[in-house]
N, C-alpha and C. Protein backbone atom coordinates (compact mmCIF):
# COMPACT_ATOMS: atom_id res chain seq x y z
N MET A 1 -10.82 -16.39 -16.27
CA MET A 1 -10.39 -14.82 -16.08
C MET A 1 -9.10 -14.22 -15.65
N LYS A 2 -8.16 -13.17 -15.61
CA LYS A 2 -6.96 -13.58 -15.47
C LYS A 2 -6.99 -12.36 -14.07
N ASP A 3 -5.90 -12.83 -13.77
CA ASP A 3 -5.62 -12.08 -12.36
C ASP A 3 -5.49 -10.82 -12.57
N ASN A 4 -6.41 -10.35 -11.12
CA ASN A 4 -5.99 -8.28 -11.57
C ASN A 4 -4.34 -8.30 -10.45
N ILE A 5 -3.48 -7.71 -11.16
CA ILE A 5 -2.06 -7.47 -10.95
C ILE A 5 -2.21 -7.19 -9.74
N ILE A 6 -2.09 -5.63 -9.48
CA ILE A 6 -2.41 -4.93 -8.06
C ILE A 6 -2.83 -5.12 -7.12
N ALA A 7 -4.39 -5.93 -7.18
CA ALA A 7 -4.97 -6.76 -6.45
C ALA A 7 -3.75 -8.03 -5.60
N VAL A 8 -3.59 -8.82 -6.65
CA VAL A 8 -2.51 -9.90 -5.99
C VAL A 8 -1.10 -9.37 -5.60
N LYS A 9 -0.95 -8.25 -6.06
CA LYS A 9 0.54 -7.21 -5.33
C LYS A 9 0.00 -7.33 -3.94
N THR A 10 -0.59 -6.07 -4.21
CA THR A 10 -1.40 -5.54 -2.46
C THR A 10 -1.27 -6.51 -1.68
N PHE A 11 -2.04 -8.04 -2.53
CA PHE A 11 -2.37 -8.77 -1.18
C PHE A 11 -1.05 -9.53 -0.52
N ASP A 12 -0.27 -9.57 -1.38
CA ASP A 12 0.97 -10.58 -1.26
C ASP A 12 1.72 -9.57 -0.26
N PHE A 13 1.71 -8.17 -0.89
CA PHE A 13 1.97 -7.58 0.67
C PHE A 13 1.75 -7.16 1.87
N SER A 14 -0.14 -7.54 1.94
CA SER A 14 -0.43 -6.73 3.41
C SER A 14 0.07 -8.79 4.09
N LEU A 15 0.34 -9.83 3.49
CA LEU A 15 1.23 -10.84 4.03
C LEU A 15 1.93 -10.69 4.22
N SER A 16 3.04 -9.78 3.92
CA SER A 16 4.69 -9.60 4.34
C SER A 16 4.90 -8.82 5.18
N ILE A 17 3.40 -7.51 5.00
CA ILE A 17 4.10 -6.84 5.96
C ILE A 17 2.96 -7.11 8.22
N ILE A 18 2.26 -8.53 7.92
CA ILE A 18 1.66 -8.91 8.37
C ILE A 18 3.08 -9.80 9.40
N SER A 19 3.81 -10.80 8.54
CA SER A 19 4.83 -11.17 9.09
C SER A 19 6.26 -10.06 9.48
N LEU A 20 5.89 -9.09 8.57
CA LEU A 20 6.87 -8.56 9.31
C LEU A 20 6.32 -7.34 10.95
N TYR A 21 5.39 -7.42 10.85
CA TYR A 21 4.59 -6.66 12.18
C TYR A 21 4.92 -8.03 12.96
N ILE A 22 4.87 -9.34 13.11
CA ILE A 22 5.09 -9.99 14.10
C ILE A 22 6.60 -10.18 14.40
N SER A 23 7.49 -10.12 12.81
CA SER A 23 8.77 -10.08 13.52
C SER A 23 9.36 -8.88 14.37
N LEU A 24 8.38 -7.79 13.69
CA LEU A 24 8.46 -6.36 15.07
C LEU A 24 8.08 -6.35 16.62
N LYS A 25 7.22 -7.04 16.96
CA LYS A 25 6.50 -7.52 18.45
C LYS A 25 7.33 -8.10 18.91
N ARG A 26 8.09 -9.15 18.12
CA ARG A 26 9.08 -9.91 18.91
C ARG A 26 10.62 -9.12 19.46
N GLU A 27 11.18 -8.24 19.26
CA GLU A 27 11.91 -7.09 18.84
C GLU A 27 11.18 -6.36 20.09
N ASN A 28 9.94 -6.51 20.37
CA ASN A 28 9.41 -5.51 21.06
C ASN A 28 9.16 -3.82 20.75
N GLU A 29 8.61 -3.75 19.66
CA GLU A 29 8.61 -3.08 18.62
C GLU A 29 7.16 -2.59 18.60
N PHE A 30 6.42 -2.11 19.14
CA PHE A 30 4.68 -1.64 19.44
C PHE A 30 4.37 -0.59 18.78
N ILE A 31 4.96 0.33 18.46
CA ILE A 31 3.99 1.61 17.82
C ILE A 31 4.62 1.81 16.50
N ILE A 32 5.60 1.92 16.06
CA ILE A 32 5.49 2.29 14.80
C ILE A 32 5.13 1.00 13.91
N SER A 33 4.89 -0.09 14.55
CA SER A 33 4.86 -1.85 13.98
C SER A 33 3.04 -1.78 13.90
N LYS A 34 2.69 -1.23 14.55
CA LYS A 34 0.78 -1.24 14.63
C LYS A 34 0.47 -0.52 13.61
N GLN A 35 0.67 0.76 13.24
CA GLN A 35 1.14 1.66 12.45
C GLN A 35 1.10 1.60 10.89
N LEU A 36 1.99 0.51 10.80
CA LEU A 36 2.86 -0.27 9.60
C LEU A 36 1.57 -1.22 9.88
N MET A 37 1.34 -2.15 10.17
CA MET A 37 0.17 -2.93 9.93
C MET A 37 -0.96 -2.25 9.12
N ARG A 38 -1.40 -1.78 10.16
CA ARG A 38 -2.48 -1.08 9.86
C ARG A 38 -2.69 -0.49 8.36
N SER A 39 -1.48 0.82 7.85
CA SER A 39 -1.03 1.13 6.51
C SER A 39 -1.26 -0.05 5.59
N GLY A 40 -0.29 -0.59 5.32
CA GLY A 40 0.36 -1.67 5.06
C GLY A 40 -0.84 -2.60 4.24
N THR A 41 -1.24 -3.31 5.50
CA THR A 41 -2.65 -3.96 5.20
C THR A 41 -4.18 -3.08 4.39
N SER A 42 -4.10 -1.63 4.53
CA SER A 42 -5.28 -1.40 4.02
C SER A 42 -4.96 -0.93 2.41
N ILE A 43 -3.49 -1.00 2.18
CA ILE A 43 -3.51 -0.49 0.81
C ILE A 43 -4.58 -1.67 -0.43
N GLY A 44 -4.42 -3.13 0.50
CA GLY A 44 -5.22 -4.22 -0.33
C GLY A 44 -6.27 -3.59 -0.10
N ALA A 45 -6.89 -3.58 0.95
CA ALA A 45 -8.81 -4.02 1.23
C ALA A 45 -8.98 -2.29 -0.13
N ASN A 46 -7.92 -1.18 0.10
CA ASN A 46 -8.74 0.04 -0.83
C ASN A 46 -9.10 -0.09 -2.13
N VAL A 47 -8.29 -1.04 -2.42
CA VAL A 47 -7.70 -1.57 -4.45
C VAL A 47 -8.69 -2.62 -4.18
N GLU A 48 -9.18 -3.06 -3.49
CA GLU A 48 -10.34 -4.44 -3.61
C GLU A 48 -11.70 -3.91 -3.75
N GLU A 49 -11.90 -2.36 -2.72
CA GLU A 49 -13.14 -1.16 -2.84
C GLU A 49 -13.36 -0.87 -3.94
N ALA A 50 -11.73 -0.52 -4.53
CA ALA A 50 -11.90 0.35 -6.14
C ALA A 50 -12.25 -1.02 -6.88
N ILE A 51 -11.39 -2.41 -7.04
CA ILE A 51 -11.78 -3.14 -7.86
C ILE A 51 -13.64 -3.25 -7.98
N ALA A 52 -14.56 -2.92 -6.59
CA ALA A 52 -15.98 -2.60 -7.12
C ALA A 52 -16.67 -1.61 -6.47
N ALA A 53 -15.61 -0.48 -7.17
CA ALA A 53 -16.51 0.88 -7.05
C ALA A 53 -17.96 0.59 -7.94
N GLN A 54 -18.41 2.05 -7.54
CA GLN A 54 -19.86 2.19 -8.82
C GLN A 54 -19.73 3.08 -10.35
N SER A 55 -18.77 4.03 -9.85
CA SER A 55 -18.22 4.64 -11.52
C SER A 55 -16.61 4.77 -11.32
N LYS A 56 -16.24 5.16 -12.20
CA LYS A 56 -15.29 5.55 -12.21
C LYS A 56 -14.22 6.38 -11.85
N LYS A 57 -15.71 7.45 -11.05
CA LYS A 57 -14.83 8.59 -10.23
C LYS A 57 -14.79 7.36 -8.75
N ASP A 58 -15.80 6.74 -8.58
CA ASP A 58 -15.41 5.98 -7.27
C ASP A 58 -13.97 5.48 -7.54
N PHE A 59 -14.32 4.87 -8.65
CA PHE A 59 -12.69 3.77 -8.42
C PHE A 59 -11.50 4.69 -8.68
N ILE A 60 -11.53 6.10 -8.57
CA ILE A 60 -10.40 6.95 -8.74
C ILE A 60 -10.04 6.88 -7.36
N HIS A 61 -11.50 7.86 -6.86
CA HIS A 61 -11.40 7.87 -5.46
C HIS A 61 -10.32 6.47 -4.45
N LYS A 62 -11.48 5.52 -4.61
CA LYS A 62 -10.76 4.56 -4.26
C LYS A 62 -9.25 4.14 -3.72
N MET A 63 -8.54 4.24 -5.42
CA MET A 63 -6.78 3.68 -5.56
C MET A 63 -6.71 5.15 -4.90
N ALA A 64 -7.04 6.32 -5.52
CA ALA A 64 -6.24 7.31 -4.16
C ALA A 64 -5.90 6.85 -3.11
N ILE A 65 -7.08 6.86 -2.18
CA ILE A 65 -7.00 6.39 -0.65
C ILE A 65 -6.20 5.16 -0.85
N ALA A 66 -5.95 4.01 -1.45
CA ALA A 66 -4.64 2.83 -1.40
C ALA A 66 -3.61 3.83 -1.72
N SER A 67 -3.33 4.96 -2.58
CA SER A 67 -1.79 5.36 -2.68
C SER A 67 -1.62 6.30 -1.71
N LYS A 68 -2.44 6.87 -0.83
CA LYS A 68 -2.12 7.86 0.27
C LYS A 68 -1.47 6.33 1.77
N GLU A 69 -1.93 5.40 1.82
CA GLU A 69 -2.07 4.34 2.60
C GLU A 69 -0.71 3.36 2.29
N ALA A 70 0.13 3.62 0.61
CA ALA A 70 0.94 3.29 0.33
C ALA A 70 2.33 4.10 0.37
N ARG A 71 1.82 4.83 0.94
CA ARG A 71 3.02 6.52 0.55
C ARG A 71 2.79 6.65 2.91
N GLU A 72 2.13 6.38 2.96
CA GLU A 72 2.13 5.98 4.72
C GLU A 72 2.99 5.48 4.85
N THR A 73 2.68 4.29 4.78
CA THR A 73 3.70 2.75 4.75
C THR A 73 4.87 3.01 4.56
N LYS A 74 5.44 3.46 3.25
CA LYS A 74 6.75 4.08 2.93
C LYS A 74 7.51 4.75 3.85
N TYR A 75 6.41 5.58 4.53
CA TYR A 75 6.90 6.70 5.49
C TYR A 75 7.59 5.57 7.06
N TRP A 76 6.83 4.91 7.06
CA TRP A 76 6.62 4.13 8.46
C TRP A 76 8.47 2.86 8.34
N LEU A 77 8.10 2.49 6.77
CA LEU A 77 9.49 1.37 6.39
C LEU A 77 10.54 2.17 6.71
N ARG A 78 10.51 3.68 5.91
CA ARG A 78 11.91 4.47 6.05
C ARG A 78 11.85 4.75 7.52
N LEU A 79 10.57 5.22 8.61
CA LEU A 79 11.64 5.52 9.88
C LEU A 79 12.71 4.60 10.54
N LEU A 80 11.76 3.29 10.52
CA LEU A 80 12.27 1.82 11.11
C LEU A 80 13.44 1.68 10.08
N SER A 81 13.21 1.86 9.09
CA SER A 81 14.97 1.91 8.61
C SER A 81 16.08 2.64 8.63
N LYS A 82 15.84 3.75 8.97
CA LYS A 82 16.61 4.84 9.81
C LYS A 82 17.11 5.17 10.83
N SER A 83 16.03 4.02 12.07
CA SER A 83 16.44 4.43 12.94
C SER A 83 17.18 3.30 13.64
N ALA A 84 16.94 3.06 15.26
CA ALA A 84 17.73 2.05 16.18
C ALA A 84 16.92 1.21 16.38
N LEU A 85 15.87 1.21 16.30
CA LEU A 85 14.27 0.68 16.74
C LEU A 85 14.58 -0.71 15.79
N THR A 86 15.09 -1.54 15.51
CA THR A 86 14.98 -2.83 14.79
C THR A 86 16.27 -3.47 14.51
N GLN A 87 16.78 -3.83 14.24
CA GLN A 87 17.73 -5.02 13.46
C GLN A 87 16.85 -6.06 12.13
N THR A 88 15.94 -5.94 12.01
CA THR A 88 15.27 -6.22 11.10
C THR A 88 15.34 -5.76 9.61
N PRO A 89 15.83 -6.15 8.82
CA PRO A 89 16.20 -4.98 7.27
C PRO A 89 14.82 -4.93 6.77
N VAL A 90 14.56 -4.08 6.17
CA VAL A 90 12.99 -3.57 5.97
C VAL A 90 13.60 -2.95 4.52
N ASP A 91 14.72 -3.24 3.96
CA ASP A 91 14.69 -2.69 2.28
C ASP A 91 13.79 -3.58 1.34
N SER A 92 14.36 -4.34 1.21
CA SER A 92 12.91 -5.57 0.82
C SER A 92 11.44 -5.00 0.16
N TYR A 93 11.12 -4.38 1.75
CA TYR A 93 9.35 -4.14 1.23
C TYR A 93 9.20 -2.70 0.77
N LEU A 94 10.98 -1.26 1.07
CA LEU A 94 10.74 -0.37 0.79
C LEU A 94 10.20 -0.64 -0.91
N ILE A 95 11.26 -1.68 -1.30
CA ILE A 95 11.60 -1.79 -2.61
C ILE A 95 10.01 -2.03 -3.50
N GLU A 96 9.04 -2.57 -2.41
CA GLU A 96 7.75 -3.14 -3.03
C GLU A 96 6.93 -2.52 -2.85
N VAL A 97 7.01 -1.33 -1.64
CA VAL A 97 5.46 -0.99 -2.13
C VAL A 97 5.97 0.68 -2.62
N GLU A 98 7.55 0.57 -3.40
CA GLU A 98 7.80 1.68 -4.38
C GLU A 98 7.06 1.28 -5.30
N HIS A 99 7.60 -0.16 -5.83
CA HIS A 99 6.43 -1.14 -6.96
C HIS A 99 5.61 -0.41 -6.99
N ILE A 100 4.26 -0.08 -6.04
CA ILE A 100 3.27 -0.74 -5.85
C ILE A 100 2.77 0.63 -6.05
N ILE A 101 3.34 2.13 -5.17
CA ILE A 101 3.09 3.34 -5.60
C ILE A 101 3.17 3.81 -6.80
N ASN A 102 4.18 3.25 -8.04
CA ASN A 102 4.28 3.46 -8.87
C ASN A 102 3.18 2.86 -10.13
N ILE A 103 2.59 1.96 -9.63
CA ILE A 103 2.02 0.95 -10.00
C ILE A 103 0.52 2.25 -10.22
N ILE A 104 0.20 1.67 -8.58
CA ILE A 104 -1.47 2.76 -8.28
C ILE A 104 -1.35 4.11 -9.05
N THR A 105 0.05 4.82 -9.33
CA THR A 105 0.07 5.94 -9.63
C THR A 105 -0.39 6.12 -11.16
N LYS A 106 -0.16 4.89 -12.33
CA LYS A 106 -0.28 4.91 -13.31
C LYS A 106 -1.63 4.90 -13.74
N ILE A 107 -2.29 3.45 -12.82
CA ILE A 107 -3.48 3.20 -12.41
C ILE A 107 -4.33 4.82 -12.52
N ILE A 108 -4.53 4.98 -11.51
CA ILE A 108 -4.88 6.64 -11.32
C ILE A 108 -4.92 7.35 -12.18
N LYS A 109 -3.73 7.98 -13.27
CA LYS A 109 -3.95 8.67 -14.14
C LYS A 109 -4.23 7.72 -15.38
N THR A 110 -4.10 6.88 -15.86
CA THR A 110 -4.41 6.21 -16.52
C THR A 110 -6.36 6.72 -16.45
N SER A 111 -6.51 6.33 -15.44
CA SER A 111 -8.03 5.95 -15.45
C SER A 111 -8.57 7.81 -15.57
N GLN A 112 -7.92 8.76 -14.91
CA GLN A 112 -8.14 10.21 -15.54
C GLN A 112 -9.04 10.35 -16.46
N GLU A 113 -7.99 9.81 -17.77
CA GLU A 113 -7.93 10.45 -18.28
C GLU A 113 -9.24 10.18 -19.04
N GLY A 114 -9.17 8.92 -18.93
CA GLY A 114 -11.11 8.90 -19.49
C GLY A 114 -11.88 9.77 -19.26
N ILE A 115 -11.93 10.39 -18.11
CA ILE A 115 -13.30 11.66 -17.15
C ILE A 115 -12.43 12.49 -18.40
N ALA A 116 -14.28 12.71 -18.46
CA ALA A 116 -14.45 14.18 -19.85
C ALA A 116 -14.12 15.47 -18.67
N LYS A 117 -13.66 16.91 -18.99
CA LYS A 117 -12.98 17.74 -18.47
C LYS A 117 -14.60 18.48 -18.44
N PRO A 118 -14.76 19.04 -17.97
CA PRO A 118 -16.29 20.63 -18.38
C PRO A 118 -14.92 21.53 -18.35
N ILE A 119 -16.14 22.06 -19.56
CA ILE A 119 -15.23 23.38 -20.38
C ILE A 119 -15.96 24.96 -19.04
């Protein structure tokens, strides 16, 4: 069986967010790091739920939640990047979350095309 690319990417991203969270805590950054931990790991959890969806609409709904979590994660990463709260570089995380957002957006659009719209 072939690996689900977005499931693998979001799982790996969650692991990297956990590492970033640990680094941020070492720098005594506790507020944004917690928000980032929640939203950053939630992306993959919602993708996993989407994979087990009971219908195409349920799948789209779960992927839309994953998209929202990814966008929230991007927000927290941008705040860290532009503020003086940390010296930890976050550019690579920003690039990866943007890539994830693009993939999820494409998945949602493609899935929506398959749903018949009422006249």
